[in-house]
Amino acid sequence: MTLKNFLFPAYLDETRIYSTLILVIRILFGLLFLSHGYNKLMLHASMADLFADPFGLGSTISFWLVVFAEVVCSFALIFGILQRVTLIPMIIAMAVAFFVVHGGDAFAAKELSFIYLTVFIILYITGPGEFSFDSLIGKYLIDKEDVAA
């Protein structure tokens, strides 16, 4: 598998049901995750200084890295733009929330981060589906190769 096909899969032979399901999951979980980022943005003055700092970067930097994952990456996920690259910060944020920030808590306290982590890993594996910008770019690149050959 080439890097181009990994980043921009064309899905020429996949079923529409599969791609539709991925689209629905991308939109649903993208919007849900975006809502967490939006809430953080609205409360940033009170949250940034008290935010968890698991990597020693400082609370403010850690806060903005999570906001980036929850806002910018959520938009990219919804539209299927560089989905596999976009999911990396989202997966890291939820892995840190599950294993580090809520690591010693009861499962009920970290259940939501586990759900997001699981869905994001599944979406990383499946790719963005046919109804995504990545697929459009992949189809365009395949058409360019056909013309060049």
C-alpha atoms as a PDB file:
ATOM      1  CA  MET A   1       0.000   0.000   0.000  1.00  0.00           C
ATOM      2  CA  THR A   2       1.475   3.345  -1.010  1.00  0.00           C
ATOM      3  CA  LEU A   3       1.360   6.461   1.151  1.00  0.00           C
ATOM      4  CA  LYS A   4      -0.926   8.122  -1.404  1.00  0.00           C
ATOM      5  CA  ASN A   5      -3.438   5.248  -1.221  1.00  0.00           C
ATOM      6  CA  PHE A   6      -3.224   5.234   2.584  1.00  0.00           C
ATOM      7  CA  LEU A   7      -3.961   8.967   2.881  1.00  0.00           C
ATOM      8  CA  PHE A   8      -6.434   9.258   0.002  1.00  0.00           C
ATOM      9  CA  PRO A   9      -8.219   5.922  -0.505  1.00  0.00           C
ATOM     10  CA  ALA A  10     -10.502   5.965  -3.541  1.00  0.00           C
ATOM     11  CA  TYR A  11     -12.889   3.140  -2.483  1.00  0.00           C
ATOM     12  CA  LEU A  12     -13.786   2.338  -6.059  1.00  0.00           C
ATOM     13  CA  ASP A  13     -15.150  -1.135  -5.226  1.00  0.00           C
ATOM     14  CA  GLU A  14     -16.693  -0.625  -1.760  1.00  0.00           C
ATOM     15  CA  THR A  15     -20.418  -0.688  -1.117  1.00  0.00           C
ATOM     16  CA  ARG A  16     -22.373   2.474  -0.480  1.00  0.00           C
ATOM     17  CA  ILE A  17     -23.790   1.063   2.762  1.00  0.00           C
ATOM     18  CA  TYR A  18     -20.290   0.706   4.227  1.00  0.00           C
ATOM     19  CA  SER A  19     -19.340   4.247   3.236  1.00  0.00           C
ATOM     20  CA  THR A  20     -22.662   5.660   4.429  1.00  0.00           C
ATOM     21  CA  LEU A  21     -22.202   4.033   7.828  1.00  0.00           C
ATOM     22  CA  ILE A  22     -18.694   5.459   8.132  1.00  0.00           C
ATOM     23  CA  LEU A  23     -20.046   8.898   7.132  1.00  0.00           C
ATOM     24  CA  VAL A  24     -22.737   8.747   9.828  1.00  0.00           C
ATOM     25  CA  ILE A  25     -20.218   7.677  12.473  1.00  0.00           C
ATOM     26  CA  ARG A  26     -17.761  10.393  11.376  1.00  0.00           C
ATOM     27  CA  ILE A  27     -20.429  13.102  11.591  1.00  0.00           C
ATOM     28  CA  LEU A  28     -21.969  11.854  14.843  1.00  0.00           C
ATOM     29  CA  PHE A  29     -18.730  11.402  16.774  1.00  0.00           C
ATOM     30  CA  GLY A  30     -17.151  14.457  15.161  1.00  0.00           C
ATOM     31  CA  LEU A  31     -20.015  16.653  16.372  1.00  0.00           C
ATOM     32  CA  LEU A  32     -20.055  15.064  19.827  1.00  0.00           C
ATOM     33  CA  PHE A  33     -16.295  15.522  20.206  1.00  0.00           C
ATOM     34  CA  LEU A  34     -16.549  19.063  18.840  1.00  0.00           C
ATOM     35  CA  SER A  35     -19.056  19.915  21.583  1.00  0.00           C
ATOM     36  CA  HIS A  36     -16.413  19.085  24.211  1.00  0.00           C
ATOM     37  CA  GLY A  37     -13.938  21.390  22.496  1.00  0.00           C
ATOM     38  CA  TYR A  38     -16.525  24.148  22.180  1.00  0.00           C
ATOM     39  CA  ASN A  39     -17.258  23.930  25.918  1.00  0.00           C
ATOM     40  CA  LYS A  40     -13.552  24.148  26.682  1.00  0.00           C
ATOM     41  CA  LEU A  41     -13.201  27.200  24.426  1.00  0.00           C
ATOM     42  CA  MET A  42     -16.072  28.948  26.183  1.00  0.00           C
ATOM     43  CA  LEU A  43     -14.522  28.272  29.592  1.00  0.00           C
ATOM     44  CA  HIS A  44     -10.873  28.649  28.556  1.00  0.00           C
ATOM     45  CA  ALA A  45     -10.132  31.473  30.999  1.00  0.00           C
ATOM     46  CA  SER A  46     -11.032  29.300  33.976  1.00  0.00           C
ATOM     47  CA  MET A  47      -9.861  25.941  32.598  1.00  0.00           C
ATOM     48  CA  ALA A  48      -6.486  26.606  30.960  1.00  0.00           C
ATOM     49  CA  ASP A  49      -4.554  27.180  34.195  1.00  0.00           C
ATOM     50  CA  LEU A  50      -6.091  24.194  35.986  1.00  0.00           C
ATOM     51  CA  PHE A  51      -5.913  21.735  33.081  1.00  0.00           C
ATOM     52  CA  ALA A  52      -4.078  18.423  33.501  1.00  0.00           C
ATOM     53  CA  ASP A  53      -0.428  18.479  32.405  1.00  0.00           C
ATOM     54  CA  PRO A  54       0.530  14.818  31.836  1.00  0.00           C
ATOM     55  CA  PHE A  55       3.593  15.534  29.657  1.00  0.00           C
ATOM     56  CA  GLY A  56       5.073  18.444  31.589  1.00  0.00           C
ATOM     57  CA  LEU A  57       4.384  20.977  28.828  1.00  0.00           C
ATOM     58  CA  GLY A  58       2.399  23.253  31.093  1.00  0.00           C
ATOM     59  CA  SER A  59      -1.326  23.378  31.728  1.00  0.00           C
ATOM     60  CA  THR A  60      -1.995  26.054  29.125  1.00  0.00           C
ATOM     61  CA  ILE A  61      -0.189  24.229  26.304  1.00  0.00           C
ATOM     62  CA  SER A  62      -1.828  20.920  27.245  1.00  0.00           C
ATOM     63  CA  PHE A  63      -5.190  22.666  27.249  1.00  0.00           C
ATOM     64  CA  TRP A  64      -4.697  24.117  23.755  1.00  0.00           C
ATOM     65  CA  LEU A  65      -3.438  20.797  22.367  1.00  0.00           C
ATOM     66  CA  VAL A  66      -6.644  19.129  23.552  1.00  0.00           C
ATOM     67  CA  VAL A  67      -8.762  21.993  22.185  1.00  0.00           C
ATOM     68  CA  PHE A  68      -6.970  21.558  18.824  1.00  0.00           C
ATOM     69  CA  ALA A  69      -7.821  17.835  18.860  1.00  0.00           C
ATOM     70  CA  GLU A  70     -11.418  18.484  19.867  1.00  0.00           C
ATOM     71  CA  VAL A  71     -12.181  21.430  17.571  1.00  0.00           C
ATOM     72  CA  VAL A  72      -9.915  21.494  14.518  1.00  0.00           C
ATOM     73  CA  CYS A  73      -9.540  17.742  14.219  1.00  0.00           C
ATOM     74  CA  SER A  74     -13.287  17.213  14.765  1.00  0.00           C
ATOM     75  CA  PHE A  75     -14.070  19.433  11.770  1.00  0.00           C
ATOM     76  CA  ALA A  76     -11.556  17.536   9.652  1.00  0.00           C
ATOM     77  CA  LEU A  77     -13.053  14.228  10.803  1.00  0.00           C
ATOM     78  CA  ILE A  78     -16.580  15.317   9.930  1.00  0.00           C
ATOM     79  CA  PHE A  79     -15.558  16.153   6.356  1.00  0.00           C
ATOM     80  CA  GLY A  80     -13.081  13.299   5.989  1.00  0.00           C
ATOM     81  CA  ILE A  81     -10.062  15.534   5.391  1.00  0.00           C
ATOM     82  CA  LEU A  82      -6.782  13.667   5.973  1.00  0.00           C
ATOM     83  CA  GLN A  83      -8.774  11.489   8.344  1.00  0.00           C
ATOM     84  CA  ARG A  84      -6.000   9.135   9.412  1.00  0.00           C
ATOM     85  CA  VAL A  85      -3.658  12.041  10.166  1.00  0.00           C
ATOM     86  CA  THR A  86      -6.471  13.941  11.894  1.00  0.00           C
ATOM     87  CA  LEU A  87      -7.330  11.006  14.130  1.00  0.00           C
ATOM     88  CA  ILE A  88      -3.834  10.762  15.604  1.00  0.00           C
ATOM     89  CA  PRO A  89      -4.215  13.795  17.951  1.00  0.00           C
ATOM     90  CA  MET A  90      -7.742  12.661  18.811  1.00  0.00           C
ATOM     91  CA  ILE A  91      -6.555   9.154  19.690  1.00  0.00           C
ATOM     92  CA  ILE A  92      -3.656  10.535  21.735  1.00  0.00           C
ATOM     93  CA  ALA A  93      -5.962  12.910  23.624  1.00  0.00           C
ATOM     94  CA  MET A  94      -8.387  10.127  24.512  1.00  0.00           C
ATOM     95  CA  ALA A  95      -5.624   7.646  25.384  1.00  0.00           C
ATOM     96  CA  VAL A  96      -4.115  10.220  27.765  1.00  0.00           C
ATOM     97  CA  ALA A  97      -7.544  10.960  29.249  1.00  0.00           C
ATOM     98  CA  PHE A  98      -8.302   7.258  29.731  1.00  0.00           C
ATOM     99  CA  PHE A  99      -4.921   5.920  30.870  1.00  0.00           C
ATOM    100  CA  VAL A 100      -3.317   8.927  32.575  1.00  0.00           C
ATOM    101  CA  VAL A 101      -5.763  11.650  33.623  1.00  0.00           C
ATOM    102  CA  HIS A 102      -8.497   9.221  34.744  1.00  0.00           C
ATOM    103  CA  GLY A 103      -6.159   6.242  35.106  1.00  0.00           C
ATOM    104  CA  GLY A 104      -6.889   5.513  38.744  1.00  0.00           C
ATOM    105  CA  ASP A 105     -10.570   6.419  38.607  1.00  0.00           C
ATOM    106  CA  ALA A 106     -13.456   3.985  38.461  1.00  0.00           C
ATOM    107  CA  PHE A 107     -14.376   2.887  34.956  1.00  0.00           C
ATOM    108  CA  ALA A 108     -17.557   4.974  35.027  1.00  0.00           C
ATOM    109  CA  ALA A 109     -15.433   8.134  35.288  1.00  0.00           C
ATOM    110  CA  LYS A 110     -13.368   7.243  32.231  1.00  0.00           C
ATOM    111  CA  GLU A 111     -16.001   5.438  30.188  1.00  0.00           C
ATOM    112  CA  LEU A 112     -16.582   8.330  27.767  1.00  0.00           C
ATOM    113  CA  SER A 113     -12.901   8.648  26.912  1.00  0.00           C
ATOM    114  CA  PHE A 114     -12.808   4.871  26.338  1.00  0.00           C
ATOM    115  CA  ILE A 115     -15.763   5.061  23.946  1.00  0.00           C
ATOM    116  CA  TYR A 116     -14.176   7.901  21.961  1.00  0.00           C
ATOM    117  CA  LEU A 117     -10.814   6.116  21.928  1.00  0.00           C
ATOM    118  CA  THR A 118     -12.391   2.917  20.608  1.00  0.00           C
ATOM    119  CA  VAL A 119     -14.404   4.670  17.890  1.00  0.00           C
ATOM    120  CA  PHE A 120     -11.419   6.757  16.780  1.00  0.00           C
ATOM    121  CA  ILE A 121      -9.209   3.670  16.506  1.00  0.00           C
ATOM    122  CA  ILE A 122     -11.900   1.899  14.463  1.00  0.00           C
ATOM    123  CA  LEU A 123     -12.244   4.937  12.177  1.00  0.00           C
ATOM    124  CA  TYR A 124      -8.461   5.052  11.795  1.00  0.00           C
ATOM    125  CA  ILE A 125      -8.462   1.410  10.680  1.00  0.00           C
ATOM    126  CA  THR A 126     -11.457   1.675   8.333  1.00  0.00           C
ATOM    127  CA  GLY A 127     -10.448   4.947   6.699  1.00  0.00           C
ATOM    128  CA  PRO A 128     -12.802   7.780   5.768  1.00  0.00           C
ATOM    129  CA  GLY A 129     -15.121   5.939   3.371  1.00  0.00           C
ATOM    130  CA  GLU A 130     -16.247   6.978  -0.085  1.00  0.00           C
ATOM    131  CA  PHE A 131     -18.112  10.090   1.077  1.00  0.00           C
ATOM    132  CA  SER A 132     -15.095  12.119   2.134  1.00  0.00           C
ATOM    133  CA  PHE A 133     -12.659  14.653   0.762  1.00  0.00           C
ATOM    134  CA  ASP A 134      -9.913  12.032   1.087  1.00  0.00           C
ATOM    135  CA  SER A 135     -11.796   9.737  -1.278  1.00  0.00           C
ATOM    136  CA  LEU A 136     -12.357  12.565  -3.765  1.00  0.00           C
ATOM    137  CA  ILE A 137      -8.645  13.340  -3.743  1.00  0.00           C
ATOM    138  CA  GLY A 138      -7.836   9.622  -4.072  1.00  0.00           C
ATOM    139  CA  LYS A 139     -10.117   9.292  -7.118  1.00  0.00           C
ATOM    140  CA  TYR A 140      -8.581  12.414  -8.644  1.00  0.00           C
ATOM    141  CA  LEU A 141      -5.075  11.033  -8.159  1.00  0.00           C
ATOM    142  CA  ILE A 142      -6.065   7.694  -9.732  1.00  0.00           C
ATOM    143  CA  ASP A 143      -7.565   9.530 -12.726  1.00  0.00           C
ATOM    144  CA  LYS A 144      -4.328  11.533 -13.085  1.00  0.00           C
ATOM    145  CA  GLU A 145      -2.294   8.288 -13.072  1.00  0.00           C
ATOM    146  CA  ASP A 146      -4.556   6.748 -15.730  1.00  0.00           C
ATOM    147  CA  VAL A 147      -4.090   9.770 -17.981  1.00  0.00           C
ATOM    148  CA  ALA A 148      -0.321   9.753 -17.456  1.00  0.00           C
ATOM    149  CA  ALA A 149      -0.021   6.024 -18.209  1.00  0.00           C
END
